[in-house]
Amino acid sequence: MPTPHLQAGELEGKVFKNIAVAYDETPEAARAFATAVQLAKTLGVGLQSITVMEGLPSYTAFASATDPALIATLEDDRTEFYKRMEAQAIAAAEREGVPLVTHIVGGEAADAIIHFVCDCKVDLLVIGLHRRPSRLSSIWSTVYAIAQNIPCSVLGVH
């Protein structure tokens, strides 16, 4: 079967213009970020990153019983960590000539990413894939939940 040829202007609507990457401190997210930066550079578009800052673990409530200020200190430390991570991501993207807009949101990871993608009208989400020991565990993964509930393309990066 011959390959169809696109006329000038036909490709215009098919290029990703609003790319986002799910970004956190994991190696998988770092690989996804590097891929997203290169893709944005190649396409000549900007990039957005979304980092989900989930709530503190429930066991921190026990620690706060001994020091009520502990929760605020933990929250401040965590916020500062993510702000530094954001600054490093911006610097890395700028070195490649890619403008990066960062977003830190709260909540459960899948829900927060789904809302972000829908609210920002993202047309490609780049996300790091965790290696899973079995097919069954991948079915219930965060990536699967996100991919099933967003109206855009997803690029999974190993």
C-alpha atoms as a PDB file:
ATOM      1  CA  MET A   1       0.000   0.000   0.000  1.00  0.00           C
ATOM      2  CA  PRO A   2       1.497   3.380  -0.920  1.00  0.00           C
ATOM      3  CA  THR A   3       2.311   5.833   1.839  1.00  0.00           C
ATOM      4  CA  PRO A   4      -0.033   8.842   1.722  1.00  0.00           C
ATOM      5  CA  HIS A   5       1.678  12.174   1.225  1.00  0.00           C
ATOM      6  CA  LEU A   6       0.593  15.138   3.274  1.00  0.00           C
ATOM      7  CA  GLN A   7       0.046  18.474   1.600  1.00  0.00           C
ATOM      8  CA  ALA A   8       1.337  21.697   3.139  1.00  0.00           C
ATOM      9  CA  GLY A   9      -0.911  22.643   6.027  1.00  0.00           C
ATOM     10  CA  GLU A  10      -2.222  19.109   6.615  1.00  0.00           C
ATOM     11  CA  LEU A  11       0.533  18.356   9.123  1.00  0.00           C
ATOM     12  CA  GLU A  12      -0.087  21.563  11.033  1.00  0.00           C
ATOM     13  CA  GLY A  13      -2.924  20.153  13.147  1.00  0.00           C
ATOM     14  CA  LYS A  14      -1.050  16.899  13.820  1.00  0.00           C
ATOM     15  CA  VAL A  15       2.016  18.276  15.600  1.00  0.00           C
ATOM     16  CA  PHE A  16       2.058  18.303  19.390  1.00  0.00           C
ATOM     17  CA  LYS A  17       1.949  21.884  20.567  1.00  0.00           C
ATOM     18  CA  ASN A  18       1.249  21.567  24.290  1.00  0.00           C
ATOM     19  CA  ILE A  19       3.557  18.954  25.826  1.00  0.00           C
ATOM     20  CA  ALA A  20       3.683  18.149  29.516  1.00  0.00           C
ATOM     21  CA  VAL A  21       5.864  15.770  31.489  1.00  0.00           C
ATOM     22  CA  ALA A  22       5.098  14.140  34.824  1.00  0.00           C
ATOM     23  CA  TYR A  23       8.180  14.931  36.892  1.00  0.00           C
ATOM     24  CA  ASP A  24       9.402  13.910  40.326  1.00  0.00           C
ATOM     25  CA  GLU A  25      12.594  12.669  41.951  1.00  0.00           C
ATOM     26  CA  THR A  26      12.490   9.149  40.467  1.00  0.00           C
ATOM     27  CA  PRO A  27      14.883   7.845  37.785  1.00  0.00           C
ATOM     28  CA  GLU A  28      11.877   7.041  35.592  1.00  0.00           C
ATOM     29  CA  ALA A  29      10.713  10.651  35.716  1.00  0.00           C
ATOM     30  CA  ALA A  30      14.238  11.867  34.932  1.00  0.00           C
ATOM     31  CA  ARG A  31      14.280   9.745  31.765  1.00  0.00           C
ATOM     32  CA  ALA A  32      10.822  11.010  30.800  1.00  0.00           C
ATOM     33  CA  PHE A  33      11.958  14.588  31.409  1.00  0.00           C
ATOM     34  CA  ALA A  34      15.031  14.195  29.199  1.00  0.00           C
ATOM     35  CA  THR A  35      12.893  12.718  26.422  1.00  0.00           C
ATOM     36  CA  ALA A  36      10.268  15.466  26.751  1.00  0.00           C
ATOM     37  CA  VAL A  37      12.940  18.179  26.562  1.00  0.00           C
ATOM     38  CA  GLN A  38      14.408  16.684  23.390  1.00  0.00           C
ATOM     39  CA  LEU A  39      10.955  16.272  21.837  1.00  0.00           C
ATOM     40  CA  ALA A  40       9.979  19.859  22.683  1.00  0.00           C
ATOM     41  CA  LYS A  41      13.306  21.066  21.263  1.00  0.00           C
ATOM     42  CA  THR A  42      12.798  19.105  18.035  1.00  0.00           C
ATOM     43  CA  LEU A  43       9.238  20.391  17.614  1.00  0.00           C
ATOM     44  CA  GLY A  44      10.150  23.934  18.637  1.00  0.00           C
ATOM     45  CA  VAL A  45       7.545  24.121  21.389  1.00  0.00           C
ATOM     46  CA  GLY A  46       7.587  24.882  25.081  1.00  0.00           C
ATOM     47  CA  LEU A  47       7.206  22.303  27.805  1.00  0.00           C
ATOM     48  CA  GLN A  48       5.294  22.078  31.060  1.00  0.00           C
ATOM     49  CA  SER A  49       6.152  19.862  33.983  1.00  0.00           C
ATOM     50  CA  ILE A  50       3.767  18.662  36.636  1.00  0.00           C
ATOM     51  CA  THR A  51       4.995  17.479  39.993  1.00  0.00           C
ATOM     52  CA  VAL A  52       2.493  16.003  42.412  1.00  0.00           C
ATOM     53  CA  MET A  53       3.221  16.593  46.066  1.00  0.00           C
ATOM     54  CA  GLU A  54       1.173  13.984  47.881  1.00  0.00           C
ATOM     55  CA  GLY A  55       0.244  14.371  51.531  1.00  0.00           C
ATOM     56  CA  LEU A  56       2.621  13.389  54.305  1.00  0.00           C
ATOM     57  CA  PRO A  57       2.453   9.747  55.391  1.00  0.00           C
ATOM     58  CA  SER A  58      -0.073   9.014  58.124  1.00  0.00           C
ATOM     59  CA  TYR A  59       2.645   7.937  60.554  1.00  0.00           C
ATOM     60  CA  THR A  60       3.819  11.551  60.821  1.00  0.00           C
ATOM     61  CA  ALA A  61       0.789  12.151  63.036  1.00  0.00           C
ATOM     62  CA  PHE A  62       2.462  10.031  65.725  1.00  0.00           C
ATOM     63  CA  ALA A  63       5.632  12.105  65.514  1.00  0.00           C
ATOM     64  CA  SER A  64       3.658  15.334  65.775  1.00  0.00           C
ATOM     65  CA  ALA A  65       2.359  14.181  69.161  1.00  0.00           C
ATOM     66  CA  THR A  66       5.859  14.698  70.566  1.00  0.00           C
ATOM     67  CA  ASP A  67       6.486  17.952  68.689  1.00  0.00           C
ATOM     68  CA  PRO A  68       3.462  19.821  67.289  1.00  0.00           C
ATOM     69  CA  ALA A  69       5.739  21.960  65.069  1.00  0.00           C
ATOM     70  CA  LEU A  70       7.088  18.864  63.312  1.00  0.00           C
ATOM     71  CA  ILE A  71       4.352  18.720  60.653  1.00  0.00           C
ATOM     72  CA  ALA A  72       5.018  22.316  59.589  1.00  0.00           C
ATOM     73  CA  THR A  73       8.767  21.623  59.459  1.00  0.00           C
ATOM     74  CA  LEU A  74       8.252  18.502  57.333  1.00  0.00           C
ATOM     75  CA  GLU A  75       5.916  20.385  54.976  1.00  0.00           C
ATOM     76  CA  ASP A  76       8.429  23.243  54.635  1.00  0.00           C
ATOM     77  CA  ASP A  77      11.303  20.830  53.961  1.00  0.00           C
ATOM     78  CA  ARG A  78       9.297  18.972  51.343  1.00  0.00           C
ATOM     79  CA  THR A  79       8.211  22.198  49.626  1.00  0.00           C
ATOM     80  CA  GLU A  80      11.824  23.422  49.560  1.00  0.00           C
ATOM     81  CA  PHE A  81      12.975  20.093  48.069  1.00  0.00           C
ATOM     82  CA  TYR A  82      10.457  20.339  45.224  1.00  0.00           C
ATOM     83  CA  LYS A  83      11.291  24.003  44.590  1.00  0.00           C
ATOM     84  CA  ARG A  84      14.980  23.047  44.186  1.00  0.00           C
ATOM     85  CA  MET A  85      14.008  20.198  41.882  1.00  0.00           C
ATOM     86  CA  GLU A  86      11.914  22.631  39.829  1.00  0.00           C
ATOM     87  CA  ALA A  87      14.817  25.085  39.544  1.00  0.00           C
ATOM     88  CA  GLN A  88      17.136  22.304  38.345  1.00  0.00           C
ATOM     89  CA  ALA A  89      14.576  21.233  35.731  1.00  0.00           C
ATOM     90  CA  ILE A  90      14.194  24.797  34.448  1.00  0.00           C
ATOM     91  CA  ALA A  91      17.977  25.147  34.167  1.00  0.00           C
ATOM     92  CA  ALA A  92      18.291  21.808  32.316  1.00  0.00           C
ATOM     93  CA  ALA A  93      15.564  22.746  29.834  1.00  0.00           C
ATOM     94  CA  GLU A  94      17.055  26.220  29.293  1.00  0.00           C
ATOM     95  CA  ARG A  95      20.423  24.638  28.442  1.00  0.00           C
ATOM     96  CA  GLU A  96      18.612  22.911  25.567  1.00  0.00           C
ATOM     97  CA  GLY A  97      16.798  26.098  24.552  1.00  0.00           C
ATOM     98  CA  VAL A  98      13.409  24.827  25.726  1.00  0.00           C
ATOM     99  CA  PRO A  99      11.166  27.091  27.790  1.00  0.00           C
ATOM    100  CA  LEU A 100       9.787  25.176  30.775  1.00  0.00           C
ATOM    101  CA  VAL A 101       6.835  26.129  32.935  1.00  0.00           C
ATOM    102  CA  THR A 102       6.708  24.113  36.149  1.00  0.00           C
ATOM    103  CA  HIS A 103       3.686  23.237  38.255  1.00  0.00           C
ATOM    104  CA  ILE A 104       3.579  21.689  41.723  1.00  0.00           C
ATOM    105  CA  VAL A 105       0.155  20.420  42.697  1.00  0.00           C
ATOM    106  CA  GLY A 106      -1.193  18.567  45.686  1.00  0.00           C
ATOM    107  CA  GLY A 107      -3.293  15.450  45.849  1.00  0.00           C
ATOM    108  CA  GLU A 108      -3.201  11.854  44.726  1.00  0.00           C
ATOM    109  CA  ALA A 109      -0.884  11.401  41.726  1.00  0.00           C
ATOM    110  CA  ALA A 110      -3.253  10.003  39.099  1.00  0.00           C
ATOM    111  CA  ASP A 111      -6.108  12.383  39.900  1.00  0.00           C
ATOM    112  CA  ALA A 112      -3.840  15.429  40.019  1.00  0.00           C
ATOM    113  CA  ILE A 113      -2.227  14.614  36.664  1.00  0.00           C
ATOM    114  CA  ILE A 114      -5.586  13.897  35.021  1.00  0.00           C
ATOM    115  CA  HIS A 115      -6.991  17.244  36.205  1.00  0.00           C
ATOM    116  CA  PHE A 116      -3.852  19.082  35.108  1.00  0.00           C
ATOM    117  CA  VAL A 117      -3.887  17.551  31.608  1.00  0.00           C
ATOM    118  CA  CYS A 118      -7.566  18.390  31.143  1.00  0.00           C
ATOM    119  CA  ASP A 119      -7.363  21.911  32.604  1.00  0.00           C
ATOM    120  CA  CYS A 120      -4.250  22.855  30.593  1.00  0.00           C
ATOM    121  CA  LYS A 121      -5.449  21.193  27.366  1.00  0.00           C
ATOM    122  CA  VAL A 122      -2.253  19.171  27.047  1.00  0.00           C
ATOM    123  CA  ASP A 123      -2.043  17.203  23.801  1.00  0.00           C
ATOM    124  CA  LEU A 124       0.906  14.958  24.764  1.00  0.00           C
ATOM    125  CA  LEU A 125       1.812  13.714  28.223  1.00  0.00           C
ATOM    126  CA  VAL A 126       5.276  12.207  28.639  1.00  0.00           C
ATOM    127  CA  ILE A 127       5.552   9.908  31.617  1.00  0.00           C
ATOM    128  CA  GLY A 128       8.190   7.563  32.991  1.00  0.00           C
ATOM    129  CA  LEU A 129       7.373   3.871  33.089  1.00  0.00           C
ATOM    130  CA  HIS A 130       8.316   1.800  36.103  1.00  0.00           C
ATOM    131  CA  ARG A 131       9.426  -1.719  35.397  1.00  0.00           C
ATOM    132  CA  ARG A 132       6.908  -4.167  36.818  1.00  0.00           C
ATOM    133  CA  PRO A 133       7.541  -7.849  37.517  1.00  0.00           C
ATOM    134  CA  SER A 134       4.217  -8.984  36.094  1.00  0.00           C
ATOM    135  CA  ARG A 135       1.614  -7.900  33.598  1.00  0.00           C
ATOM    136  CA  LEU A 136      -1.070  -7.916  36.277  1.00  0.00           C
ATOM    137  CA  SER A 137       0.679  -5.272  38.367  1.00  0.00           C
ATOM    138  CA  SER A 138       1.000  -2.979  35.348  1.00  0.00           C
ATOM    139  CA  ILE A 139      -2.751  -3.072  34.800  1.00  0.00           C
ATOM    140  CA  TRP A 140      -3.308  -1.333  38.132  1.00  0.00           C
ATOM    141  CA  SER A 141      -0.495   1.174  37.764  1.00  0.00           C
ATOM    142  CA  THR A 142      -0.811   4.929  38.034  1.00  0.00           C
ATOM    143  CA  VAL A 143       0.255   5.270  34.394  1.00  0.00           C
ATOM    144  CA  TYR A 144      -2.564   2.999  33.265  1.00  0.00           C
ATOM    145  CA  ALA A 145      -5.107   4.965  35.321  1.00  0.00           C
ATOM    146  CA  ILE A 146      -3.868   8.219  33.817  1.00  0.00           C
ATOM    147  CA  ALA A 147      -3.786   6.940  30.232  1.00  0.00           C
ATOM    148  CA  GLN A 148      -7.356   5.658  30.475  1.00  0.00           C
ATOM    149  CA  ASN A 149      -8.712   8.965  31.756  1.00  0.00           C
ATOM    150  CA  ILE A 150      -7.045  11.729  29.756  1.00  0.00           C
ATOM    151  CA  PRO A 151      -8.061  13.048  26.355  1.00  0.00           C
ATOM    152  CA  CYS A 152      -4.560  13.215  24.876  1.00  0.00           C
ATOM    153  CA  SER A 153      -1.729  11.035  23.685  1.00  0.00           C
ATOM    154  CA  VAL A 154       0.664   9.486  26.210  1.00  0.00           C
ATOM    155  CA  LEU A 155       4.323   8.748  25.577  1.00  0.00           C
ATOM    156  CA  GLY A 156       5.662   6.206  28.057  1.00  0.00           C
ATOM    157  CA  VAL A 157       9.420   6.262  28.499  1.00  0.00           C
ATOM    158  CA  HIS A 158      11.503   3.345  29.810  1.00  0.00           C
END
